Amino acid sequence: MLLLSNFFMAVAIVLDYALNIYMWIVIASAVLSWVNPDPYNPIVRFLRKATEPVFYQIRKYLPVTFGGMDLSPIVVFLVIIFLQNFVVKSLIGLSRSM
């Protein structure tokens, strides 16, 4: 049981770090959308490749443009916060109860 408990705790911690990193990637992508960056810059290309598939899926199912402003990063934030508060904390609680 100790091994399984440690496994769940490790999965929760890694998932929490991954979600935090992705949240910062979304923030950087949203800030870059306010300016006109060089599309050939490797950092800009990485940010677009990392976020556009998620933004596209949200835009496809939800009309999240409001007055010419794209609100899909906000939806991604809400999903990340939900995952951190529900999934990560549930895994930590499961790990501690074992």
PDB file of N, CA and C in Angstrom:
ATOM      1  N   MET A   1       0.811  -1.199   0.000  1.00  0.00           N
ATOM      2  CA  MET A   1       0.000   0.000   0.000  1.00  0.00           C
ATOM      3  C   MET A   1       0.850   1.256   0.000  1.00  0.00           C
ATOM      4  N   LEU A   2       2.011   1.193   0.635  1.00  0.00           N
ATOM      5  CA  LEU A   2       2.887   2.353   0.688  1.00  0.00           C
ATOM      6  C   LEU A   2       3.353   2.744  -0.711  1.00  0.00           C
ATOM      7  N   LEU A   3       3.669   1.757  -1.533  1.00  0.00           N
ATOM      8  CA  LEU A   3       4.110   2.050  -2.897  1.00  0.00           C
ATOM      9  C   LEU A   3       3.003   2.699  -3.714  1.00  0.00           C
ATOM     10  N   LEU A   4       1.788   2.188  -3.574  1.00  0.00           N
ATOM     11  CA  LEU A   4       0.662   2.755  -4.309  1.00  0.00           C
ATOM     12  C   LEU A   4       0.357   4.173  -3.829  1.00  0.00           C
ATOM     13  N   SER A   5       0.467   4.396  -2.548  1.00  0.00           N
ATOM     14  CA  SER A   5       0.250   5.730  -1.992  1.00  0.00           C
ATOM     15  C   SER A   5       1.296   6.713  -2.520  1.00  0.00           C
ATOM     16  N   ASN A   6       2.546   6.298  -2.530  1.00  0.00           N
ATOM     17  CA  ASN A   6       3.602   7.161  -3.060  1.00  0.00           C
ATOM     18  C   ASN A   6       3.430   7.397  -4.558  1.00  0.00           C
ATOM     19  N   PHE A   7       2.947   6.389  -5.271  1.00  0.00           N
ATOM     20  CA  PHE A   7       2.702   6.541  -6.706  1.00  0.00           C
ATOM     21  C   PHE A   7       1.642   7.602  -6.965  1.00  0.00           C
ATOM     22  N   PHE A   8       0.533   7.539  -6.236  1.00  0.00           N
ATOM     23  CA  PHE A   8      -0.525   8.533  -6.415  1.00  0.00           C
ATOM     24  C   PHE A   8      -0.052   9.937  -6.043  1.00  0.00           C
ATOM     25  N   MET A   9       0.751  10.031  -4.998  1.00  0.00           N
ATOM     26  CA  MET A   9       1.288  11.333  -4.606  1.00  0.00           C
ATOM     27  C   MET A   9       2.222  11.874  -5.691  1.00  0.00           C
ATOM     28  N   ALA A  10       3.050  11.022  -6.261  1.00  0.00           N
ATOM     29  CA  ALA A  10       3.962  11.465  -7.317  1.00  0.00           C
ATOM     30  C   ALA A  10       3.200  11.891  -8.564  1.00  0.00           C
ATOM     31  N   VAL A  11       2.164  11.143  -8.927  1.00  0.00           N
ATOM     32  CA  VAL A  11       1.347  11.514 -10.084  1.00  0.00           C
ATOM     33  C   VAL A  11       0.682  12.862  -9.838  1.00  0.00           C
ATOM     34  N   ALA A  12       0.190  13.095  -8.648  1.00  0.00           N
ATOM     35  CA  ALA A  12      -0.464  14.363  -8.320  1.00  0.00           C
ATOM     36  C   ALA A  12       0.520  15.524  -8.415  1.00  0.00           C
ATOM     37  N   ILE A  13       1.715  15.336  -7.917  1.00  0.00           N
ATOM     38  CA  ILE A  13       2.711  16.409  -7.941  1.00  0.00           C
ATOM     39  C   ILE A  13       3.152  16.715  -9.367  1.00  0.00           C
ATOM     40  N   VAL A  14       3.407  15.671 -10.153  1.00  0.00           N
ATOM     41  CA  VAL A  14       3.824  15.882 -11.545  1.00  0.00           C
ATOM     42  C   VAL A  14       2.705  16.546 -12.341  1.00  0.00           C
ATOM     43  N   LEU A  15       1.471  16.119 -12.129  1.00  0.00           N
ATOM     44  CA  LEU A  15       0.336  16.728 -12.818  1.00  0.00           C
ATOM     45  C   LEU A  15       0.172  18.194 -12.424  1.00  0.00           C
ATOM     46  N   ASP A  16       0.362  18.492 -11.160  1.00  0.00           N
ATOM     47  CA  ASP A  16       0.260  19.880 -10.700  1.00  0.00           C
ATOM     48  C   ASP A  16       1.330  20.749 -11.352  1.00  0.00           C
ATOM     49  N   TYR A  17       2.573  20.264 -11.404  1.00  0.00           N
ATOM     50  CA  TYR A  17       3.638  21.024 -12.063  1.00  0.00           C
ATOM     51  C   TYR A  17       3.355  21.194 -13.552  1.00  0.00           C
ATOM     52  N   ALA A  18       2.887  20.162 -14.217  1.00  0.00           N
ATOM     53  CA  ALA A  18       2.594  20.243 -15.652  1.00  0.00           C
ATOM     54  C   ALA A  18       1.484  21.255 -15.918  1.00  0.00           C
ATOM     55  N   LEU A  19       0.465  21.258 -15.083  1.00  0.00           N
ATOM     56  CA  LEU A  19      -0.623  22.223 -15.253  1.00  0.00           C
ATOM     57  C   LEU A  19      -0.146  23.657 -15.005  1.00  0.00           C
ATOM     58  N   ASN A  20       0.728  23.841 -14.026  1.00  0.00           N
ATOM     59  CA  ASN A  20       1.281  25.177 -13.771  1.00  0.00           C
ATOM     60  C   ASN A  20       2.127  25.657 -14.951  1.00  0.00           C
ATOM     61  N   ILE A  21       2.949  24.789 -15.488  1.00  0.00           N
ATOM     62  CA  ILE A  21       3.772  25.159 -16.637  1.00  0.00           C
ATOM     63  C   ILE A  21       2.893  25.502 -17.826  1.00  0.00           C
ATOM     64  N   TYR A  22       1.850  24.702 -18.062  1.00  0.00           N
ATOM     65  CA  TYR A  22       0.978  24.988 -19.199  1.00  0.00           C
ATOM     66  C   TYR A  22       0.206  26.287 -18.989  1.00  0.00           C
ATOM     67  N   MET A  23      -0.125  26.608 -17.753  1.00  0.00           N
ATOM     68  CA  MET A  23      -0.810  27.870 -17.492  1.00  0.00           C
ATOM     69  C   MET A  23       0.089  29.048 -17.873  1.00  0.00           C
ATOM     70  N   TRP A  24       1.373  28.961 -17.574  1.00  0.00           N
ATOM     71  CA  TRP A  24       2.292  30.029 -17.952  1.00  0.00           C
ATOM     72  C   TRP A  24       2.474  30.096 -19.465  1.00  0.00           C
ATOM     73  N   ILE A  25       2.431  28.962 -20.127  1.00  0.00           N
ATOM     74  CA  ILE A  25       2.506  28.957 -21.593  1.00  0.00           C
ATOM     75  C   ILE A  25       1.272  29.644 -22.172  1.00  0.00           C
ATOM     76  N   VAL A  26       0.109  29.400 -21.608  1.00  0.00           N
ATOM     77  CA  VAL A  26      -1.114  30.056 -22.068  1.00  0.00           C
ATOM     78  C   VAL A  26      -1.037  31.559 -21.817  1.00  0.00           C
ATOM     79  N   ILE A  27      -0.511  31.960 -20.683  1.00  0.00           N
ATOM     80  CA  ILE A  27      -0.359  33.390 -20.389  1.00  0.00           C
ATOM     81  C   ILE A  27       0.560  34.043 -21.414  1.00  0.00           C
ATOM     82  N   ALA A  28       1.679  33.411 -21.706  1.00  0.00           N
ATOM     83  CA  ALA A  28       2.614  33.980 -22.683  1.00  0.00           C
ATOM     84  C   ALA A  28       1.976  34.063 -24.062  1.00  0.00           C
ATOM     85  N   SER A  29       1.220  33.055 -24.438  1.00  0.00           N
ATOM     86  CA  SER A  29       0.553  33.074 -25.740  1.00  0.00           C
ATOM     87  C   SER A  29      -0.506  34.160 -25.804  1.00  0.00           C
ATOM     88  N   ALA A  30      -1.242  34.350 -24.719  1.00  0.00           N
ATOM     89  CA  ALA A  30      -2.266  35.403 -24.697  1.00  0.00           C
ATOM     90  C   ALA A  30      -1.632  36.781 -24.780  1.00  0.00           C
ATOM     91  N   VAL A  31      -0.528  36.984 -24.089  1.00  0.00           N
ATOM     92  CA  VAL A  31       0.153  38.279 -24.143  1.00  0.00           C
ATOM     93  C   VAL A  31       0.704  38.520 -25.553  1.00  0.00           C
ATOM     94  N   LEU A  32       1.246  37.487 -26.175  1.00  0.00           N
ATOM     95  CA  LEU A  32       1.758  37.649 -27.533  1.00  0.00           C
ATOM     96  C   LEU A  32       0.666  37.932 -28.543  1.00  0.00           C
ATOM     97  N   SER A  33      -0.555  37.531 -28.248  1.00  0.00           N
ATOM     98  CA  SER A  33      -1.640  37.802 -29.184  1.00  0.00           C
ATOM     99  C   SER A  33      -2.022  39.287 -29.192  1.00  0.00           C
ATOM    100  N   TRP A  34      -1.597  40.046 -28.189  1.00  0.00           N
ATOM    101  CA  TRP A  34      -1.887  41.472 -28.136  1.00  0.00           C
ATOM    102  C   TRP A  34      -0.942  42.287 -29.008  1.00  0.00           C
ATOM    103  N   VAL A  35       0.221  41.721 -29.313  1.00  0.00           N
ATOM    104  CA  VAL A  35       1.201  42.405 -30.153  1.00  0.00           C
ATOM    105  C   VAL A  35       1.358  41.637 -31.453  1.00  0.00           C
ATOM    106  N   ASN A  36       2.157  42.155 -32.341  1.00  0.00           N
ATOM    107  CA  ASN A  36       2.392  41.489 -33.609  1.00  0.00           C
ATOM    108  C   ASN A  36       3.805  40.898 -33.593  1.00  0.00           C
ATOM    109  N   PRO A  37       3.982  39.674 -33.037  1.00  0.00           N
ATOM    110  CA  PRO A  37       5.329  39.118 -32.934  1.00  0.00           C
ATOM    111  C   PRO A  37       5.802  38.563 -34.279  1.00  0.00           C
ATOM    112  N   ASP A  38       7.087  38.355 -34.363  1.00  0.00           N
ATOM    113  CA  ASP A  38       7.675  37.754 -35.552  1.00  0.00           C
ATOM    114  C   ASP A  38       7.246  36.285 -35.616  1.00  0.00           C
ATOM    115  N   PRO A  39       6.507  35.871 -36.656  1.00  0.00           N
ATOM    116  CA  PRO A  39       6.025  34.488 -36.705  1.00  0.00           C
ATOM    117  C   PRO A  39       7.131  33.461 -36.921  1.00  0.00           C
ATOM    118  N   TYR A  40       8.332  33.899 -37.271  1.00  0.00           N
ATOM    119  CA  TYR A  40       9.437  32.970 -37.483  1.00  0.00           C
ATOM    120  C   TYR A  40      10.314  32.801 -36.248  1.00  0.00           C
ATOM    121  N   ASN A  41       9.997  33.515 -35.204  1.00  0.00           N
ATOM    122  CA  ASN A  41      10.729  33.369 -33.947  1.00  0.00           C
ATOM    123  C   ASN A  41      10.415  31.996 -33.357  1.00  0.00           C
ATOM    124  N   PRO A  42      11.440  31.237 -32.955  1.00  0.00           N
ATOM    125  CA  PRO A  42      11.190  29.883 -32.438  1.00  0.00           C
ATOM    126  C   PRO A  42      10.334  29.855 -31.173  1.00  0.00           C
ATOM    127  N   ILE A  43      10.451  30.863 -30.333  1.00  0.00           N
ATOM    128  CA  ILE A  43       9.644  30.904 -29.114  1.00  0.00           C
ATOM    129  C   ILE A  43       8.178  31.121 -29.465  1.00  0.00           C
ATOM    130  N   VAL A  44       7.925  32.029 -30.389  1.00  0.00           N
ATOM    131  CA  VAL A  44       6.552  32.295 -30.817  1.00  0.00           C
ATOM    132  C   VAL A  44       5.957  31.052 -31.474  1.00  0.00           C
ATOM    133  N   ARG A  45       6.742  30.379 -32.285  1.00  0.00           N
ATOM    134  CA  ARG A  45       6.257  29.165 -32.949  1.00  0.00           C
ATOM    135  C   ARG A  45       5.936  28.069 -31.929  1.00  0.00           C
ATOM    136  N   PHE A  46       6.798  27.930 -30.899  1.00  0.00           N
ATOM    137  CA  PHE A  46       6.536  26.946 -29.860  1.00  0.00           C
ATOM    138  C   PHE A  46       5.245  27.264 -29.106  1.00  0.00           C
ATOM    139  N   LEU A  47       5.078  28.527 -28.744  1.00  0.00           N
ATOM    140  CA  LEU A  47       3.871  28.917 -28.007  1.00  0.00           C
ATOM    141  C   LEU A  47       2.614  28.674 -28.830  1.00  0.00           C
ATOM    142  N   ARG A  48       2.663  28.984 -30.111  1.00  0.00           N
ATOM    143  CA  ARG A  48       1.507  28.750 -30.979  1.00  0.00           C
ATOM    144  C   ARG A  48       1.209  27.264 -31.113  1.00  0.00           C
ATOM    145  N   LYS A  49       2.264  26.458 -31.310  1.00  0.00           N
ATOM    146  CA  LYS A  49       2.058  25.008 -31.453  1.00  0.00           C
ATOM    147  C   LYS A  49       1.544  24.374 -30.164  1.00  0.00           C
ATOM    148  N   ALA A  50       1.928  24.946 -29.027  1.00  0.00           N
ATOM    149  CA  ALA A  50       1.514  24.376 -27.747  1.00  0.00           C
ATOM    150  C   ALA A  50       0.096  24.770 -27.358  1.00  0.00           C
ATOM    151  N   THR A  51      -0.372  25.935 -27.824  1.00  0.00           N
ATOM    152  CA  THR A  51      -1.670  26.403 -27.358  1.00  0.00           C
ATOM    153  C   THR A  51      -2.770  26.380 -28.408  1.00  0.00           C
ATOM    154  N   GLU A  52      -2.433  26.557 -29.657  1.00  0.00           N
ATOM    155  CA  GLU A  52      -3.482  26.652 -30.684  1.00  0.00           C
ATOM    156  C   GLU A  52      -4.360  25.405 -30.798  1.00  0.00           C
ATOM    157  N   PRO A  53      -3.837  24.179 -30.664  1.00  0.00           N
ATOM    158  CA  PRO A  53      -4.768  23.022 -30.719  1.00  0.00           C
ATOM    159  C   PRO A  53      -5.823  23.051 -29.611  1.00  0.00           C
ATOM    160  N   VAL A  54      -5.428  23.486 -28.418  1.00  0.00           N
ATOM    161  CA  VAL A  54      -6.383  23.567 -27.312  1.00  0.00           C
ATOM    162  C   VAL A  54      -7.365  24.707 -27.550  1.00  0.00           C
ATOM    163  N   PHE A  55      -6.844  25.853 -27.966  1.00  0.00           N
ATOM    164  CA  PHE A  55      -7.722  26.990 -28.261  1.00  0.00           C
ATOM    165  C   PHE A  55      -8.695  26.651 -29.387  1.00  0.00           C
ATOM    166  N   TYR A  56      -8.221  25.930 -30.405  1.00  0.00           N
ATOM    167  CA  TYR A  56      -9.083  25.568 -31.534  1.00  0.00           C
ATOM    168  C   TYR A  56     -10.242  24.681 -31.075  1.00  0.00           C
ATOM    169  N   GLN A  57      -9.952  23.711 -30.209  1.00  0.00           N
ATOM    170  CA  GLN A  57     -11.007  22.824 -29.716  1.00  0.00           C
ATOM    171  C   GLN A  57     -12.047  23.615 -28.927  1.00  0.00           C
ATOM    172  N   ILE A  58     -11.613  24.584 -28.157  1.00  0.00           N
ATOM    173  CA  ILE A  58     -12.558  25.400 -27.390  1.00  0.00           C
ATOM    174  C   ILE A  58     -13.372  26.284 -28.321  1.00  0.00           C
ATOM    175  N   ARG A  59     -12.704  26.903 -29.291  1.00  0.00           N
ATOM    176  CA  ARG A  59     -13.415  27.766 -30.245  1.00  0.00           C
ATOM    177  C   ARG A  59     -14.408  26.986 -31.095  1.00  0.00           C
ATOM    178  N   LYS A  60     -14.097  25.725 -31.340  1.00  0.00           N
ATOM    179  CA  LYS A  60     -14.970  24.901 -32.171  1.00  0.00           C
ATOM    180  C   LYS A  60     -16.298  24.617 -31.474  1.00  0.00           C
ATOM    181  N   TYR A  61     -16.274  24.409 -30.169  1.00  0.00           N
ATOM    182  CA  TYR A  61     -17.482  24.028 -29.439  1.00  0.00           C
ATOM    183  C   TYR A  61     -18.168  25.185 -28.714  1.00  0.00           C
ATOM    184  N   LEU A  62     -17.417  26.210 -28.371  1.00  0.00           N
ATOM    185  CA  LEU A  62     -17.986  27.345 -27.645  1.00  0.00           C
ATOM    186  C   LEU A  62     -17.728  28.630 -28.415  1.00  0.00           C
ATOM    187  N   PRO A  63     -18.729  29.446 -28.570  1.00  0.00           N
ATOM    188  CA  PRO A  63     -18.480  30.754 -29.202  1.00  0.00           C
ATOM    189  C   PRO A  63     -17.874  31.720 -28.180  1.00  0.00           C
ATOM    190  N   VAL A  64     -16.570  31.696 -28.055  1.00  0.00           N
ATOM    191  CA  VAL A  64     -15.914  32.454 -26.995  1.00  0.00           C
ATOM    192  C   VAL A  64     -15.294  33.757 -27.487  1.00  0.00           C
ATOM    193  N   THR A  65     -15.750  34.267 -28.615  1.00  0.00           N
ATOM    194  CA  THR A  65     -15.296  35.587 -29.037  1.00  0.00           C
ATOM    195  C   THR A  65     -16.345  36.600 -28.611  1.00  0.00           C
ATOM    196  N   PHE A  66     -15.900  37.644 -27.990  1.00  0.00           N
ATOM    197  CA  PHE A  66     -16.809  38.661 -27.475  1.00  0.00           C
ATOM    198  C   PHE A  66     -16.263  40.021 -27.865  1.00  0.00           C
ATOM    199  N   GLY A  67     -16.912  40.658 -28.797  1.00  0.00           N
ATOM    200  CA  GLY A  67     -16.475  41.972 -29.224  1.00  0.00           C
ATOM    201  C   GLY A  67     -15.106  41.972 -29.875  1.00  0.00           C
ATOM    202  N   GLY A  68     -14.785  40.922 -30.602  1.00  0.00           N
ATOM    203  CA  GLY A  68     -13.484  40.824 -31.248  1.00  0.00           C
ATOM    204  C   GLY A  68     -12.383  40.326 -30.342  1.00  0.00           C
ATOM    205  N   MET A  69     -12.726  40.005 -29.108  1.00  0.00           N
ATOM    206  CA  MET A  69     -11.737  39.514 -28.160  1.00  0.00           C
ATOM    207  C   MET A  69     -11.909  38.007 -27.984  1.00  0.00           C
ATOM    208  N   ASP A  70     -10.810  37.275 -28.062  1.00  0.00           N
ATOM    209  CA  ASP A  70     -10.851  35.821 -27.915  1.00  0.00           C
ATOM    210  C   ASP A  70     -10.772  35.459 -26.436  1.00  0.00           C
ATOM    211  N   LEU A  71     -11.784  34.774 -25.953  1.00  0.00           N
ATOM    212  CA  LEU A  71     -11.831  34.409 -24.539  1.00  0.00           C
ATOM    213  C   LEU A  71     -11.430  32.962 -24.281  1.00  0.00           C
ATOM    214  N   SER A  72     -10.921  32.269 -25.296  1.00  0.00           N
ATOM    215  CA  SER A  72     -10.545  30.873 -25.092  1.00  0.00           C
ATOM    216  C   SER A  72      -9.411  30.696 -24.078  1.00  0.00           C
ATOM    217  N   PRO A  73      -8.430  31.624 -23.943  1.00  0.00           N
ATOM    218  CA  PRO A  73      -7.449  31.450 -22.859  1.00  0.00           C
ATOM    219  C   PRO A  73      -8.088  31.458 -21.474  1.00  0.00           C
ATOM    220  N   ILE A  74      -9.147  32.236 -21.297  1.00  0.00           N
ATOM    221  CA  ILE A  74      -9.836  32.262 -20.002  1.00  0.00           C
ATOM    222  C   ILE A  74     -10.486  30.914 -19.721  1.00  0.00           C
ATOM    223  N   VAL A  75     -11.070  30.304 -20.755  1.00  0.00           N
ATOM    224  CA  VAL A  75     -11.673  28.980 -20.588  1.00  0.00           C
ATOM    225  C   VAL A  75     -10.592  27.962 -20.229  1.00  0.00           C
ATOM    226  N   VAL A  76      -9.421  28.069 -20.864  1.00  0.00           N
ATOM    227  CA  VAL A  76      -8.315  27.162 -20.537  1.00  0.00           C
ATOM    228  C   VAL A  76      -7.885  27.360 -19.088  1.00  0.00           C
ATOM    229  N   PHE A  77      -7.797  28.615 -18.632  1.00  0.00           N
ATOM    230  CA  PHE A  77      -7.478  28.879 -17.223  1.00  0.00           C
ATOM    231  C   PHE A  77      -8.469  28.205 -16.290  1.00  0.00           C
ATOM    232  N   LEU A  78      -9.746  28.347 -16.596  1.00  0.00           N
ATOM    233  CA  LEU A  78     -10.768  27.749 -15.740  1.00  0.00           C
ATOM    234  C   LEU A  78     -10.652  26.226 -15.705  1.00  0.00           C
ATOM    235  N   VAL A  79     -10.357  25.629 -16.834  1.00  0.00           N
ATOM    236  CA  VAL A  79     -10.193  24.170 -16.880  1.00  0.00           C
ATOM    237  C   VAL A  79      -8.963  23.752 -16.078  1.00  0.00           C
ATOM    238  N   ILE A  80      -7.880  24.505 -16.206  1.00  0.00           N
ATOM    239  CA  ILE A  80      -6.665  24.175 -15.445  1.00  0.00           C
ATOM    240  C   ILE A  80      -6.913  24.320 -13.948  1.00  0.00           C
ATOM    241  N   ILE A  81      -7.589  25.375 -13.550  1.00  0.00           N
ATOM    242  CA  ILE A  81      -7.901  25.565 -12.129  1.00  0.00           C
ATOM    243  C   ILE A  81      -8.796  24.444 -11.619  1.00  0.00           C
ATOM    244  N   PHE A  82      -9.781  24.040 -12.430  1.00  0.00           N
ATOM    245  CA  PHE A  82     -10.640  22.925 -12.039  1.00  0.00           C
ATOM    246  C   PHE A  82      -9.822  21.651 -11.866  1.00  0.00           C
ATOM    247  N   LEU A  83      -8.936  21.362 -12.819  1.00  0.00           N
ATOM    248  CA  LEU A  83      -8.126  20.148 -12.724  1.00  0.00           C
ATOM    249  C   LEU A  83      -7.207  20.177 -11.514  1.00  0.00           C
ATOM    250  N   GLN A  84      -6.647  21.349 -11.212  1.00  0.00           N
ATOM    251  CA  GLN A  84      -5.786  21.449 -10.040  1.00  0.00           C
ATOM    252  C   GLN A  84      -6.569  21.260  -8.746  1.00  0.00           C
ATOM    253  N   ASN A  85      -7.764  21.807  -8.684  1.00  0.00           N
ATOM    254  CA  ASN A  85      -8.537  21.720  -7.450  1.00  0.00           C
ATOM    255  C   ASN A  85      -9.286  20.408  -7.302  1.00  0.00           C
ATOM    256  N   PHE A  86      -9.613  19.756  -8.385  1.00  0.00           N
ATOM    257  CA  PHE A  86     -10.376  18.516  -8.276  1.00  0.00           C
ATOM    258  C   PHE A  86      -9.484  17.284  -8.412  1.00  0.00           C
ATOM    259  N   VAL A  87      -8.806  17.162  -9.527  1.00  0.00           N
ATOM    260  CA  VAL A  87      -8.043  15.942  -9.795  1.00  0.00           C
ATOM    261  C   VAL A  87      -6.803  15.857  -8.907  1.00  0.00           C
ATOM    262  N   VAL A  88      -6.025  16.930  -8.868  1.00  0.00           N
ATOM    263  CA  VAL A  88      -4.778  16.884  -8.095  1.00  0.00           C
ATOM    264  C   VAL A  88      -5.073  16.716  -6.610  1.00  0.00           C
ATOM    265  N   LYS A  89      -6.009  17.483  -6.098  1.00  0.00           N
ATOM    266  CA  LYS A  89      -6.323  17.361  -4.671  1.00  0.00           C
ATOM    267  C   LYS A  89      -6.978  16.027  -4.345  1.00  0.00           C
ATOM    268  N   SER A  90      -7.733  15.469  -5.282  1.00  0.00           N
ATOM    269  CA  SER A  90      -8.314  14.145  -5.060  1.00  0.00           C
ATOM    270  C   SER A  90      -7.229  13.075  -5.006  1.00  0.00           C
ATOM    271  N   LEU A  91      -6.237  13.186  -5.891  1.00  0.00           N
ATOM    272  CA  LEU A  91      -5.132  12.226  -5.861  1.00  0.00           C
ATOM    273  C   LEU A  91      -4.318  12.351  -4.580  1.00  0.00           C
ATOM    274  N   ILE A  92      -4.115  13.574  -4.121  1.00  0.00           N
ATOM    275  CA  ILE A  92      -3.385  13.757  -2.858  1.00  0.00           C
ATOM    276  C   ILE A  92      -4.186  13.193  -1.693  1.00  0.00           C
ATOM    277  N   GLY A  93      -5.481  13.445  -1.687  1.00  0.00           N
ATOM    278  CA  GLY A  93      -6.324  12.891  -0.614  1.00  0.00           C
ATOM    279  C   GLY A  93      -6.363  11.382  -0.648  1.00  0.00           C
ATOM    280  N   LEU A  94      -6.427  10.818  -1.854  1.00  0.00           N
ATOM    281  CA  LEU A  94      -6.401   9.352  -1.982  1.00  0.00           C
ATOM    282  C   LEU A  94      -5.078   8.796  -1.489  1.00  0.00           C
ATOM    283  N   SER A  95      -4.001   9.489  -1.802  1.00  0.00           N
ATOM    284  CA  SER A  95      -2.689   9.035  -1.360  1.00  0.00           C
ATOM    285  C   SER A  95      -2.577   9.081   0.157  1.00  0.00           C
ATOM    286  N   ARG A  96      -3.096  10.107   0.763  1.00  0.00           N
ATOM    287  CA  ARG A  96      -2.991  10.240   2.224  1.00  0.00           C
ATOM    288  C   ARG A  96      -3.917   9.282   2.963  1.00  0.00           C
ATOM    289  N   SER A  97      -4.995   8.861   2.320  1.00  0.00           N
ATOM    290  CA  SER A  97      -5.929   7.969   3.017  1.00  0.00           C
ATOM    291  C   SER A  97      -5.506   6.503   2.948  1.00  0.00           C
ATOM    292  N   MET A  98      -4.520   6.216   2.137  1.00  0.00           N
ATOM    293  CA  MET A  98      -4.071   4.808   2.020  1.00  0.00           C
ATOM    294  C   MET A  98      -3.182   4.399   3.148  1.00  0.00           C
TER     295      MET A  98
END
